[in-house]
C-alpha atoms as a PDB file:
ATOM      1  CA  MET A   1     -11.665 -18.624 -17.372  1.00  0.00           C
ATOM      2  CA  SER A   2      -8.514 -20.836 -17.197  1.00  0.00           C
ATOM      3  CA  GLN A   3      -9.038 -21.932 -13.783  1.00  0.00           C
ATOM      4  CA  THR A   4     -10.904 -25.041 -14.790  1.00  0.00           C
ATOM      5  CA  ASP A   5      -7.811 -26.260 -17.037  1.00  0.00           C
ATOM      6  CA  VAL A   6      -5.447 -26.120 -13.934  1.00  0.00           C
ATOM      7  CA  LYS A   7      -4.677 -29.435 -12.606  1.00  0.00           C
ATOM      8  CA  PRO A   8      -5.388 -29.852  -8.827  1.00  0.00           C
ATOM      9  CA  ASP A   9      -1.583 -30.042  -7.880  1.00  0.00           C
ATOM     10  CA  SER A  10      -0.502 -27.080 -10.105  1.00  0.00           C
ATOM     11  CA  PRO A  11      -0.690 -23.897  -8.210  1.00  0.00           C
ATOM     12  CA  PRO A  12      -2.564 -20.969 -10.026  1.00  0.00           C
ATOM     13  CA  SER A  13      -0.827 -17.615 -10.967  1.00  0.00           C
ATOM     14  CA  VAL A  14      -3.231 -15.813  -8.919  1.00  0.00           C
ATOM     15  CA  SER A  15      -5.571 -16.326  -6.115  1.00  0.00           C
ATOM     16  CA  VAL A  16      -8.636 -13.931  -6.242  1.00  0.00           C
ATOM     17  CA  VAL A  17     -10.268 -12.982  -2.745  1.00  0.00           C
ATOM     18  CA  VAL A  18     -13.389 -11.659  -2.095  1.00  0.00           C
ATOM     19  CA  VAL A  19     -14.572 -10.621   1.253  1.00  0.00           C
ATOM     20  CA  THR A  20     -18.165 -10.237   1.633  1.00  0.00           C
ATOM     21  CA  HIS A  21     -20.952  -9.325   4.288  1.00  0.00           C
ATOM     22  CA  ASN A  22     -24.754  -9.162   3.697  1.00  0.00           C
ATOM     23  CA  ASN A  23     -24.109  -8.142   0.207  1.00  0.00           C
ATOM     24  CA  ARG A  24     -26.644 -10.547  -1.455  1.00  0.00           C
ATOM     25  CA  ASP A  25     -27.615  -8.060  -4.048  1.00  0.00           C
ATOM     26  CA  LEU A  26     -24.281  -7.632  -5.341  1.00  0.00           C
ATOM     27  CA  ILE A  27     -22.152 -10.662  -4.954  1.00  0.00           C
ATOM     28  CA  GLY A  28     -23.564 -12.452  -7.843  1.00  0.00           C
ATOM     29  CA  ASP A  29     -22.654  -9.470 -10.290  1.00  0.00           C
ATOM     30  CA  CYS A  30     -19.088  -9.289  -8.569  1.00  0.00           C
ATOM     31  CA  LEU A  31     -18.378 -12.912  -9.050  1.00  0.00           C
ATOM     32  CA  SER A  32     -19.530 -12.719 -12.623  1.00  0.00           C
ATOM     33  CA  ALA A  33     -17.391  -9.798 -13.456  1.00  0.00           C
ATOM     34  CA  ILE A  34     -14.217 -11.792 -11.749  1.00  0.00           C
ATOM     35  CA  PHE A  35     -14.767 -14.603 -14.103  1.00  0.00           C
ATOM     36  CA  GLY A  36     -14.787 -12.354 -17.121  1.00  0.00           C
ATOM     37  CA  ALA A  37     -11.720 -10.369 -15.895  1.00  0.00           C
ATOM     38  CA  VAL A  38      -9.269 -13.460 -15.818  1.00  0.00           C
ATOM     39  CA  GLY A  39      -8.665 -14.720 -19.108  1.00  0.00           C
ATOM     40  CA  GLY A  40      -4.897 -14.960 -19.803  1.00  0.00           C
ATOM     41  CA  CYS A  41      -3.725 -16.537 -16.382  1.00  0.00           C
ATOM     42  CA  ASP A  42      -4.859 -19.390 -14.337  1.00  0.00           C
ATOM     43  CA  ALA A  43      -6.701 -18.326 -11.141  1.00  0.00           C
ATOM     44  CA  GLU A  44      -8.573 -19.574  -8.196  1.00  0.00           C
ATOM     45  CA  VAL A  45     -11.307 -17.463  -6.482  1.00  0.00           C
ATOM     46  CA  ILE A  46     -11.940 -17.700  -2.707  1.00  0.00           C
ATOM     47  CA  VAL A  47     -14.819 -16.026  -1.189  1.00  0.00           C
ATOM     48  CA  VAL A  48     -14.845 -15.108   2.636  1.00  0.00           C
ATOM     49  CA  ASP A  49     -18.127 -14.788   3.871  1.00  0.00           C
ATOM     50  CA  ASN A  50     -17.828 -12.467   6.897  1.00  0.00           C
ATOM     51  CA  ALA A  51     -20.796 -14.068   9.197  1.00  0.00           C
ATOM     52  CA  SER A  52     -23.543 -12.697   6.849  1.00  0.00           C
ATOM     53  CA  THR A  53     -27.028 -12.678   7.980  1.00  0.00           C
ATOM     54  CA  ASP A  54     -29.067 -12.311   4.842  1.00  0.00           C
ATOM     55  CA  SER A  55     -29.061 -14.697   1.847  1.00  0.00           C
ATOM     56  CA  THR A  56     -25.386 -13.906   0.695  1.00  0.00           C
ATOM     57  CA  PRO A  57     -24.272 -17.655   0.973  1.00  0.00           C
ATOM     58  CA  ASP A  58     -27.337 -18.862  -0.693  1.00  0.00           C
ATOM     59  CA  VAL A  59     -26.669 -16.695  -3.909  1.00  0.00           C
ATOM     60  CA  ILE A  60     -23.007 -17.733  -4.041  1.00  0.00           C
ATOM     61  CA  THR A  61     -24.109 -21.413  -3.869  1.00  0.00           C
ATOM     62  CA  ALA A  62     -26.853 -21.088  -6.260  1.00  0.00           C
ATOM     63  CA  GLY A  63     -24.638 -19.291  -8.905  1.00  0.00           C
ATOM     64  CA  LYS A  64     -22.561 -22.475  -9.111  1.00  0.00           C
ATOM     65  CA  TRP A  65     -19.367 -20.479  -9.722  1.00  0.00           C
ATOM     66  CA  PRO A  66     -16.186 -22.494  -9.197  1.00  0.00           C
ATOM     67  CA  VAL A  67     -14.995 -20.615  -5.908  1.00  0.00           C
ATOM     68  CA  ASP A  68     -14.050 -21.752  -2.462  1.00  0.00           C
ATOM     69  CA  VAL A  69     -16.083 -20.361   0.103  1.00  0.00           C
ATOM     70  CA  ILE A  70     -14.784 -19.607   3.651  1.00  0.00           C
ATOM     71  CA  ALA A  71     -17.652 -19.174   6.066  1.00  0.00           C
ATOM     72  CA  LEU A  72     -16.958 -17.296   9.134  1.00  0.00           C
ATOM     73  CA  THR A  73     -19.066 -17.301  12.218  1.00  0.00           C
ATOM     74  CA  GLU A  74     -18.207 -13.808  13.376  1.00  0.00           C
ATOM     75  CA  ASN A  75     -17.610 -10.700  11.442  1.00  0.00           C
ATOM     76  CA  VAL A  76     -13.800 -10.282  11.845  1.00  0.00           C
ATOM     77  CA  GLY A  77     -13.145  -7.036   9.561  1.00  0.00           C
ATOM     78  CA  PHE A  78     -11.937  -6.820   6.197  1.00  0.00           C
ATOM     79  CA  ALA A  79      -8.098  -7.429   6.849  1.00  0.00           C
ATOM     80  CA  GLN A  80      -8.539 -10.331   9.156  1.00  0.00           C
ATOM     81  CA  ALA A  81     -10.961 -12.022   6.546  1.00  0.00           C
ATOM     82  CA  VAL A  82      -8.315 -11.226   3.548  1.00  0.00           C
ATOM     83  CA  ASN A  83      -5.663 -12.869   5.693  1.00  0.00           C
ATOM     84  CA  ARG A  84      -7.880 -15.796   6.458  1.00  0.00           C
ATOM     85  CA  ALA A  85      -8.162 -16.288   2.676  1.00  0.00           C
ATOM     86  CA  ARG A  86      -4.315 -15.706   2.131  1.00  0.00           C
ATOM     87  CA  GLY A  87      -3.711 -18.764   4.573  1.00  0.00           C
ATOM     88  CA  LYS A  88      -5.588 -20.691   2.178  1.00  0.00           C
ATOM     89  CA  ALA A  89      -4.488 -19.127  -1.233  1.00  0.00           C
ATOM     90  CA  ARG A  90      -2.155 -21.086  -3.701  1.00  0.00           C
ATOM     91  CA  GLY A  91      -1.316 -18.555  -6.011  1.00  0.00           C
ATOM     92  CA  ARG A  92       1.789 -16.694  -6.677  1.00  0.00           C
ATOM     93  CA  TYR A  93      -0.192 -13.448  -6.502  1.00  0.00           C
ATOM     94  CA  LEU A  94      -3.048 -12.361  -4.349  1.00  0.00           C
ATOM     95  CA  ALA A  95      -5.804 -10.170  -5.937  1.00  0.00           C
ATOM     96  CA  LEU A  96      -8.515  -8.295  -3.820  1.00  0.00           C
ATOM     97  CA  VAL A  97     -11.792  -7.765  -5.066  1.00  0.00           C
ATOM     98  CA  ASN A  98     -14.539  -5.981  -2.853  1.00  0.00           C
ATOM     99  CA  SER A  99     -17.925  -7.399  -3.059  1.00  0.00           C
ATOM    100  CA  ASP A 100     -19.312  -4.145  -4.382  1.00  0.00           C
ATOM    101  CA  ALA A 101     -16.406  -3.995  -7.278  1.00  0.00           C
ATOM    102  CA  PHE A 102     -16.995  -5.433 -10.876  1.00  0.00           C
ATOM    103  CA  PRO A 103     -13.493  -5.724 -12.585  1.00  0.00           C
ATOM    104  CA  ASP A 104     -13.585  -5.064 -16.268  1.00  0.00           C
ATOM    105  CA  ALA A 105     -12.647  -7.828 -19.000  1.00  0.00           C
ATOM    106  CA  ASP A 106      -8.840  -8.670 -18.353  1.00  0.00           C
ATOM    107  CA  CYS A 107      -8.736  -6.321 -15.351  1.00  0.00           C
ATOM    108  CA  ILE A 108      -7.093  -8.983 -13.181  1.00  0.00           C
ATOM    109  CA  ASP A 109      -4.884 -10.372 -16.086  1.00  0.00           C
ATOM    110  CA  ARG A 110      -3.503  -6.641 -16.267  1.00  0.00           C
ATOM    111  CA  LEU A 111      -2.645  -6.444 -12.805  1.00  0.00           C
ATOM    112  CA  VAL A 112      -0.963  -9.739 -12.759  1.00  0.00           C
ATOM    113  CA  TYR A 113       0.942  -8.685 -15.924  1.00  0.00           C
ATOM    114  CA  ALA A 114       2.025  -5.146 -14.235  1.00  0.00           C
ATOM    115  CA  LEU A 115       3.521  -7.242 -11.207  1.00  0.00           C
ATOM    116  CA  GLU A 116       5.295  -9.558 -13.600  1.00  0.00           C
ATOM    117  CA  ALA A 117       6.957  -6.649 -15.671  1.00  0.00           C
ATOM    118  CA  ARG A 118       7.871  -4.903 -12.605  1.00  0.00           C
ATOM    119  CA  PRO A 119       9.703  -6.979  -9.992  1.00  0.00           C
ATOM    120  CA  CYS A 120      10.077  -4.001  -7.748  1.00  0.00           C
ATOM    121  CA  ALA A 121       6.383  -3.641  -7.418  1.00  0.00           C
ATOM    122  CA  GLY A 122       4.616  -5.221  -4.537  1.00  0.00           C
ATOM    123  CA  ILE A 123       1.253  -4.094  -5.073  1.00  0.00           C
ATOM    124  CA  VAL A 124      -0.594  -2.914  -8.206  1.00  0.00           C
ATOM    125  CA  GLY A 125      -3.964  -1.109  -8.014  1.00  0.00           C
ATOM    126  CA  ALA A 126      -6.673  -0.607 -10.710  1.00  0.00           C
ATOM    127  CA  LYS A 127      -8.249   2.553 -11.927  1.00  0.00           C
ATOM    128  CA  LEU A 128     -11.791   2.691 -10.558  1.00  0.00           C
ATOM    129  CA  ARG A 129     -14.698   4.385 -11.422  1.00  0.00           C
ATOM    130  CA  TYR A 130     -18.349   5.037  -9.952  1.00  0.00           C
ATOM    131  CA  PRO A 131     -21.246   3.373 -11.546  1.00  0.00           C
ATOM    132  CA  SER A 132     -22.232   6.671 -13.073  1.00  0.00           C
ATOM    133  CA  GLY A 133     -18.886   6.606 -14.898  1.00  0.00           C
ATOM    134  CA  ARG A 134     -17.294   9.267 -12.970  1.00  0.00           C
ATOM    135  CA  PRO A 135     -13.580   8.548 -12.065  1.00  0.00           C
ATOM    136  CA  GLN A 136     -13.097   7.554  -8.401  1.00  0.00           C
ATOM    137  CA  PRO A 137      -9.948   8.409  -6.651  1.00  0.00           C
ATOM    138  CA  SER A 138      -8.005   4.921  -6.750  1.00  0.00           C
ATOM    139  CA  ALA A 139      -4.695   5.999  -5.028  1.00  0.00           C
ATOM    140  CA  GLY A 140      -3.049   8.622  -3.064  1.00  0.00           C
ATOM    141  CA  THR A 141      -0.243   9.892  -0.847  1.00  0.00           C
ATOM    142  CA  PHE A 142       0.603   8.706   2.633  1.00  0.00           C
ATOM    143  CA  PRO A 143      -1.636  10.740   5.303  1.00  0.00           C
ATOM    144  CA  SER A 144       0.097  14.013   5.855  1.00  0.00           C
ATOM    145  CA  LEU A 145      -1.175  16.929   7.848  1.00  0.00           C
ATOM    146  CA  LEU A 146      -0.878  19.017   4.882  1.00  0.00           C
ATOM    147  CA  GLY A 147      -2.695  16.130   2.724  1.00  0.00           C
ATOM    148  CA  THR A 148      -5.598  15.862   5.059  1.00  0.00           C
ATOM    149  CA  LEU A 149      -5.949  19.720   5.321  1.00  0.00           C
ATOM    150  CA  TRP A 150      -5.727  19.968   1.336  1.00  0.00           C
ATOM    151  CA  VAL A 151      -8.532  17.256   0.922  1.00  0.00           C
ATOM    152  CA  ALA A 152     -10.626  18.953   3.671  1.00  0.00           C
ATOM    153  CA  LEU A 153     -10.595  22.253   1.627  1.00  0.00           C
ATOM    154  CA  PHE A 154     -11.620  20.416  -1.563  1.00  0.00           C
ATOM    155  CA  LEU A 155      -8.190  21.649  -3.075  1.00  0.00           C
ATOM    156  CA  HIS A 156      -7.799  18.104  -4.349  1.00  0.00           C
ATOM    157  CA  ARG A 157     -10.546  18.856  -6.610  1.00  0.00           C
ATOM    158  CA  VAL A 158      -9.559  22.238  -7.776  1.00  0.00           C
ATOM    159  CA  PRO A 159      -8.327  22.324 -11.497  1.00  0.00           C
ATOM    160  CA  GLY A 160      -4.552  22.961 -11.704  1.00  0.00           C
ATOM    161  CA  LEU A 161      -4.278  22.056  -7.929  1.00  0.00           C
ATOM    162  CA  SER A 162      -5.575  18.623  -8.303  1.00  0.00           C
ATOM    163  CA  GLN A 163      -2.700  17.869 -10.734  1.00  0.00           C
ATOM    164  CA  LEU A 164      -0.365  18.055  -7.947  1.00  0.00           C
ATOM    165  CA  GLY A 165      -1.506  14.744  -6.516  1.00  0.00           C
ATOM    166  CA  ILE A 166      -1.613  15.902  -2.738  1.00  0.00           C
ATOM    167  CA  GLY A 167      -3.960  13.736  -0.525  1.00  0.00           C
ATOM    168  CA  TYR A 168      -5.960  11.708  -3.037  1.00  0.00           C
ATOM    169  CA  LEU A 169      -5.147  11.324  -6.750  1.00  0.00           C
ATOM    170  CA  ALA A 170      -8.382  12.932  -7.936  1.00  0.00           C
ATOM    171  CA  ASN A 171      -7.442  14.479 -11.281  1.00  0.00           C
ATOM    172  CA  SER A 172      -7.854  12.102 -14.070  1.00  0.00           C
ATOM    173  CA  ARG A 173      -4.642  13.136 -15.836  1.00  0.00           C
ATOM    174  CA  LEU A 174      -2.746  11.305 -12.994  1.00  0.00           C
ATOM    175  CA  TYR A 175      -4.260   7.986 -14.400  1.00  0.00           C
ATOM    176  CA  ARG A 176      -2.873   8.320 -17.899  1.00  0.00           C
ATOM    177  CA  ALA A 177       0.063   6.120 -17.335  1.00  0.00           C
ATOM    178  CA  PRO A 178       1.135   3.503 -14.934  1.00  0.00           C
ATOM    179  CA  ARG A 179       3.015   5.486 -11.876  1.00  0.00           C
ATOM    180  CA  ARG A 180       4.407   4.726  -8.695  1.00  0.00           C
ATOM    181  CA  VAL A 181       2.216   6.048  -5.830  1.00  0.00           C
ATOM    182  CA  ASP A 182       2.195   5.775  -2.011  1.00  0.00           C
ATOM    183  CA  TRP A 183      -0.853   3.622  -1.643  1.00  0.00           C
ATOM    184  CA  VAL A 184      -3.584   2.135  -3.872  1.00  0.00           C
ATOM    185  CA  SER A 185      -7.178   1.289  -3.073  1.00  0.00           C
ATOM    186  CA  ALA A 186      -7.664  -2.377  -1.939  1.00  0.00           C
ATOM    187  CA  ALA A 187     -11.145  -2.396  -3.633  1.00  0.00           C
ATOM    188  CA  VAL A 188      -9.191  -3.948  -6.843  1.00  0.00           C
ATOM    189  CA  CYS A 189      -5.550  -4.627  -6.600  1.00  0.00           C
ATOM    190  CA  ALA A 190      -3.083  -7.291  -6.673  1.00  0.00           C
ATOM    191  CA  ALA A 191      -0.283  -7.972  -4.483  1.00  0.00           C
ATOM    192  CA  ARG A 192       2.879 -10.245  -4.279  1.00  0.00           C
ATOM    193  CA  VAL A 193       2.408 -12.986  -1.337  1.00  0.00           C
ATOM    194  CA  GLU A 194       6.072 -12.019  -0.252  1.00  0.00           C
ATOM    195  CA  ILE A 195       4.898  -8.464   1.130  1.00  0.00           C
ATOM    196  CA  GLY A 196       3.106 -10.434   3.972  1.00  0.00           C
ATOM    197  CA  PRO A 197      -0.343 -10.277   5.429  1.00  0.00           C
ATOM    198  CA  MET A 198      -2.552  -7.154   5.480  1.00  0.00           C
ATOM    199  CA  PRO A 199      -2.186  -5.231   8.928  1.00  0.00           C
ATOM    200  CA  THR A 200      -5.177  -5.770  11.086  1.00  0.00           C
ATOM    201  CA  SER A 201      -4.901  -2.765  13.413  1.00  0.00           C
ATOM    202  CA  SER A 202      -8.215  -1.640  12.040  1.00  0.00           C
ATOM    203  CA  PHE A 203     -11.675  -3.333  11.765  1.00  0.00           C
ATOM    204  CA  MET A 204     -12.231  -1.067   8.720  1.00  0.00           C
ATOM    205  CA  TYR A 205     -10.864   1.832   7.104  1.00  0.00           C
ATOM    206  CA  GLY A 206      -7.126   2.540   6.298  1.00  0.00           C
ATOM    207  CA  GLU A 207      -5.983  -1.068   5.680  1.00  0.00           C
ATOM    208  CA  ASP A 208      -4.869  -0.334   2.080  1.00  0.00           C
ATOM    209  CA  VAL A 209      -2.763   2.377   3.347  1.00  0.00           C
ATOM    210  CA  GLU A 210      -1.178   0.257   6.096  1.00  0.00           C
ATOM    211  CA  TRP A 211      -0.733  -2.570   3.770  1.00  0.00           C
ATOM    212  CA  ALA A 212       0.972   0.036   1.388  1.00  0.00           C
ATOM    213  CA  LEU A 213       3.257   1.270   4.239  1.00  0.00           C
ATOM    214  CA  ALA A 214       4.242  -2.241   5.006  1.00  0.00           C
ATOM    215  CA  THR A 215       4.903  -3.102   1.426  1.00  0.00           C
ATOM    216  CA  ARG A 216       7.417  -0.027   1.385  1.00  0.00           C
ATOM    217  CA  ASP A 217       9.186  -1.288   4.545  1.00  0.00           C
ATOM    218  CA  ALA A 218       9.506  -4.783   2.846  1.00  0.00           C
ATOM    219  CA  GLY A 219      11.446  -3.119   0.052  1.00  0.00           C
ATOM    220  CA  TYR A 220       8.694  -3.064  -2.675  1.00  0.00           C
ATOM    221  CA  GLU A 221       6.766  -0.133  -4.168  1.00  0.00           C
ATOM    222  CA  VAL A 222       3.070   0.424  -5.159  1.00  0.00           C
ATOM    223  CA  TRP A 223       1.815   1.157  -8.596  1.00  0.00           C
ATOM    224  CA  ILE A 224      -1.216   1.957 -10.106  1.00  0.00           C
ATOM    225  CA  GLU A 225      -2.067   0.422 -13.547  1.00  0.00           C
ATOM    226  CA  PRO A 226      -4.694   2.455 -15.428  1.00  0.00           C
ATOM    227  CA  ALA A 227      -4.994  -0.395 -17.942  1.00  0.00           C
ATOM    228  CA  ALA A 228      -6.895  -2.488 -15.427  1.00  0.00           C
ATOM    229  CA  THR A 229     -10.227  -0.866 -14.856  1.00  0.00           C
ATOM    230  CA  ALA A 230     -13.122  -1.532 -12.805  1.00  0.00           C
ATOM    231  CA  VAL A 231     -16.365  -0.259 -11.413  1.00  0.00           C
ATOM    232  CA  HIS A 232     -16.628   0.357  -7.543  1.00  0.00           C
ATOM    233  CA  ILE A 233     -19.740   1.396  -5.682  1.00  0.00           C
ATOM    234  CA  GLY A 234     -17.963   1.894  -2.444  1.00  0.00           C
ATOM    235  CA  ARG A 235     -19.355   1.003   0.998  1.00  0.00           C
ATOM    236  CA  ALA A 236     -22.350  -0.840  -0.124  1.00  0.00           C
ATOM    237  CA  SER A 237     -21.992  -3.740   2.360  1.00  0.00           C
ATOM    238  CA  VAL A 238     -21.093  -0.937   5.412  1.00  0.00           C
ATOM    239  CA  ASP A 239     -24.006   1.308   4.718  1.00  0.00           C
ATOM    240  CA  HIS A 240     -26.422  -1.795   4.545  1.00  0.00           C
ATOM    241  CA  SER A 241     -25.003  -3.410   7.563  1.00  0.00           C
ATOM    242  CA  HIS A 242     -24.078  -0.727  10.000  1.00  0.00           C
ATOM    243  CA  PRO A 243     -25.325   2.352  11.647  1.00  0.00           C
ATOM    244  CA  ALA A 244     -25.284   5.704   9.673  1.00  0.00           C
ATOM    245  CA  GLY A 245     -21.778   7.142  10.013  1.00  0.00           C
ATOM    246  CA  PHE A 246     -19.905   3.814  10.902  1.00  0.00           C
ATOM    247  CA  ALA A 247     -17.414   4.613   8.249  1.00  0.00           C
ATOM    248  CA  GLN A 248     -16.736   8.165   9.545  1.00  0.00           C
ATOM    249  CA  ARG A 249     -16.115   6.899  12.855  1.00  0.00           C
ATOM    250  CA  ARG A 250     -13.597   4.472  11.735  1.00  0.00           C
ATOM    251  CA  ARG A 251     -12.040   6.959   9.646  1.00  0.00           C
ATOM    252  CA  VAL A 252     -11.381   9.171  12.778  1.00  0.00           C
ATOM    253  CA  ASP A 253      -9.988   6.126  14.610  1.00  0.00           C
ATOM    254  CA  PHE A 254      -7.573   5.546  11.692  1.00  0.00           C
ATOM    255  CA  GLU A 255      -6.467   9.188  11.336  1.00  0.00           C
ATOM    256  CA  LEU A 256      -5.866   9.840  14.969  1.00  0.00           C
ATOM    257  CA  THR A 257      -4.241   6.617  15.328  1.00  0.00           C
ATOM    258  CA  TRP A 258      -1.716   7.390  12.277  1.00  0.00           C
ATOM    259  CA  PHE A 259      -0.919  10.793  13.446  1.00  0.00           C
ATOM    260  CA  GLY A 260      -0.734   9.845  17.232  1.00  0.00           C
ATOM    261  CA  ARG A 261       2.247   7.928  16.449  1.00  0.00           C
ATOM    262  CA  ARG A 262       4.005  11.282  15.867  1.00  0.00           C
ATOM    263  CA  GLY A 263       3.045  12.669  19.129  1.00  0.00           C
ATOM    264  CA  ALA A 264       0.282  14.778  20.754  1.00  0.00           C
ATOM    265  CA  SER A 265       0.581  17.820  18.557  1.00  0.00           C
ATOM    266  CA  ALA A 266       0.281  15.918  15.162  1.00  0.00           C
ATOM    267  CA  GLU A 267      -2.611  14.201  17.019  1.00  0.00           C
ATOM    268  CA  LEU A 268      -4.215  17.515  17.753  1.00  0.00           C
ATOM    269  CA  LEU A 269      -3.586  19.002  14.338  1.00  0.00           C
ATOM    270  CA  ALA A 270      -5.082  15.831  12.621  1.00  0.00           C
ATOM    271  CA  ARG A 271      -8.350  16.074  14.884  1.00  0.00           C
ATOM    272  CA  LEU A 272      -8.554  19.867  13.793  1.00  0.00           C
ATOM    273  CA  ASN A 273      -8.194  18.932   9.903  1.00  0.00           C
ATOM    274  CA  LEU A 274     -10.983  16.346  10.761  1.00  0.00           C
ATOM    275  CA  ILE A 275     -13.121  19.124  12.069  1.00  0.00           C
ATOM    276  CA  VAL A 276     -12.415  21.470   9.166  1.00  0.00           C
ATOM    277  CA  HIS A 277     -13.204  18.517   6.851  1.00  0.00           C
ATOM    278  CA  ALA A 278     -16.661  18.094   8.315  1.00  0.00           C
ATOM    279  CA  LEU A 279     -17.462  21.662   8.534  1.00  0.00           C
ATOM    280  CA  MET A 280     -16.654  22.409   5.145  1.00  0.00           C
ATOM    281  CA  ARG A 281     -19.275  19.762   3.870  1.00  0.00           C
ATOM    282  CA  LEU A 282     -21.842  20.084   6.261  1.00  0.00           C
ATOM    283  CA  PRO A 283     -23.235  23.211   4.800  1.00  0.00           C
ATOM    284  CA  VAL A 284     -22.985  22.301   1.294  1.00  0.00           C
ATOM    285  CA  TYR A 285     -24.865  19.100   1.731  1.00  0.00           C
ATOM    286  CA  ALA A 286     -27.680  20.598   4.055  1.00  0.00           C
ATOM    287  CA  VAL A 287     -28.357  23.302   1.199  1.00  0.00           C
ATOM    288  CA  LEU A 288     -28.321  20.398  -1.372  1.00  0.00           C
ATOM    289  CA  SER A 289     -30.738  18.618   1.006  1.00  0.00           C
ATOM    290  CA  VAL A 290     -33.052  21.553   0.936  1.00  0.00           C
ATOM    291  CA  LEU A 291     -32.881  22.289  -2.786  1.00  0.00           C
ATOM    292  CA  ASN A 292     -33.643  19.013  -3.694  1.00  0.00           C
ATOM    293  CA  ARG A 293     -36.293  18.389  -1.137  1.00  0.00           C
ATOM    294  CA  ARG A 294     -35.204  15.232   0.074  1.00  0.00           C
ATOM    295  CA  ARG A 295     -32.802  14.140   2.807  1.00  0.00           C
ATOM    296  CA  ASP A 296     -29.103  13.892   2.026  1.00  0.00           C
ATOM    297  CA  HIS A 297     -27.430  11.140   3.829  1.00  0.00           C
ATOM    298  CA  ARG A 298     -24.259  13.010   3.812  1.00  0.00           C
ATOM    299  CA  VAL A 299     -25.346  15.596   6.402  1.00  0.00           C
ATOM    300  CA  ARG A 300     -25.819  12.843   8.979  1.00  0.00           C
ATOM    301  CA  GLU A 301     -22.663  11.320   7.701  1.00  0.00           C
ATOM    302  CA  TYR A 302     -20.504  14.544   8.344  1.00  0.00           C
ATOM    303  CA  ALA A 303     -22.435  15.174  11.461  1.00  0.00           C
ATOM    304  CA  VAL A 304     -21.205  11.985  12.941  1.00  0.00           C
ATOM    305  CA  LEU A 305     -17.601  12.526  11.591  1.00  0.00           C
ATOM    306  CA  LEU A 306     -17.517  16.154  13.513  1.00  0.00           C
ATOM    307  CA  ARG A 307     -18.818  14.582  16.568  1.00  0.00           C
ATOM    308  CA  ALA A 308     -16.322  11.757  16.478  1.00  0.00           C
ATOM    309  CA  ALA A 309     -13.741  14.210  15.684  1.00  0.00           C
ATOM    310  CA  LEU A 310     -14.369  16.353  18.635  1.00  0.00           C
ATOM    311  CA  THR A 311     -14.902  13.412  21.184  1.00  0.00           C
ATOM    312  CA  SER A 312     -12.938  10.377  20.073  1.00  0.00           C
ATOM    313  CA  ARG A 313      -9.962   9.119  21.898  1.00  0.00           C
ATOM    314  CA  VAL A 314      -6.889   7.708  20.281  1.00  0.00           C
ATOM    315  CA  PRO A 315      -7.492   3.723  20.186  1.00  0.00           C
ATOM    316  CA  MET A 316      -5.257   1.894  22.404  1.00  0.00           C
ATOM    317  CA  LYS A 317      -1.996   0.594  20.844  1.00  0.00           C
END
C-alpha cells in the first residue's frame, strides 16, 4: 500500500473509514483486505471503534496495521461514527468499508478512479457478494410505495421482472456495466468530501439512502461500479451485539419516517407494505425450519418486523 510513501504533510488521495463494534472475529480480515484493495492511490485508514466491549481494540493493536484509531466511549451509531472520522480525514475522497466487508484487490482504487473519471458522481458503490459467492443487492431506487410492495411480494427476485430494477437491484444483469442509480450500499463505497457528512437521523438502517438523497440535493449523482468488488457478510456486528430483530425494528423506523414526510396516508400504506413483507416471509421460513429440523432465525426476525409494523409510531422529527 502506498500510504507508507506519503509524506506526513502530503494529504492522501483517499481516507478509508472502518466503523466497528464488537467485531473481533472479522476486523483483522477486514483490515488486511483493505490494505490489499489500495495499491494505485495513496491512502490513510481510520478505524472508529464504537465502544466495543470485546477484544476488538486489542485485535487492531496486535495487527500492527498503519491505521489511526478513534476510540469512542459510547456507541453513537454508524453515521455519527463515520462523521467523526470525516472530521479527521485528510483525503480528497472518503471510502467506507464495513467491518464485515472484505474488498477485493484494487477495489478501492477502482472506486476512486470512477470518481475521478466522473466529476458528476458524488458517491460510487462497489458490487457486493455474499461469502457463498451469491450476488448481493448493492444498489436500488429511492423508497417508494410501489418499490416496497414490489420487494414485499418477492417481485424483485422474479426472472424478467427483476431486470426492471424496482426497489433493490437484485438481477446480476443490472451490474454488467457502470450505471447511475438512486443509492448504493454504504458497506463498500467512496464519496467526494464535498457532498457533506452522512445524515444522522437514524442510529442504524437507511443512512446510505439518506446520504444518497443529500448527494442528489447537492447536485451530484450516485453510481455503481461493477469493476470494484467485495465480499460483505452483512449485519455481523449488529446480530452479535443487539437483541434479535434489532435491525428489523430500525427498518420500520426508517421506512415510517421516510414515508411519513409525505403525510398520514403514505405512512399508513408504508406500514401495510411492511406487514405484507413480514407475512410473505414468515410461513416460508417457518416451513424451512420444520424441513431442516432446526430453528431458522429469520422466523424471529420477521415476527419482530410484523410486530413493529403493527405497533411502532413514527419517530419524532
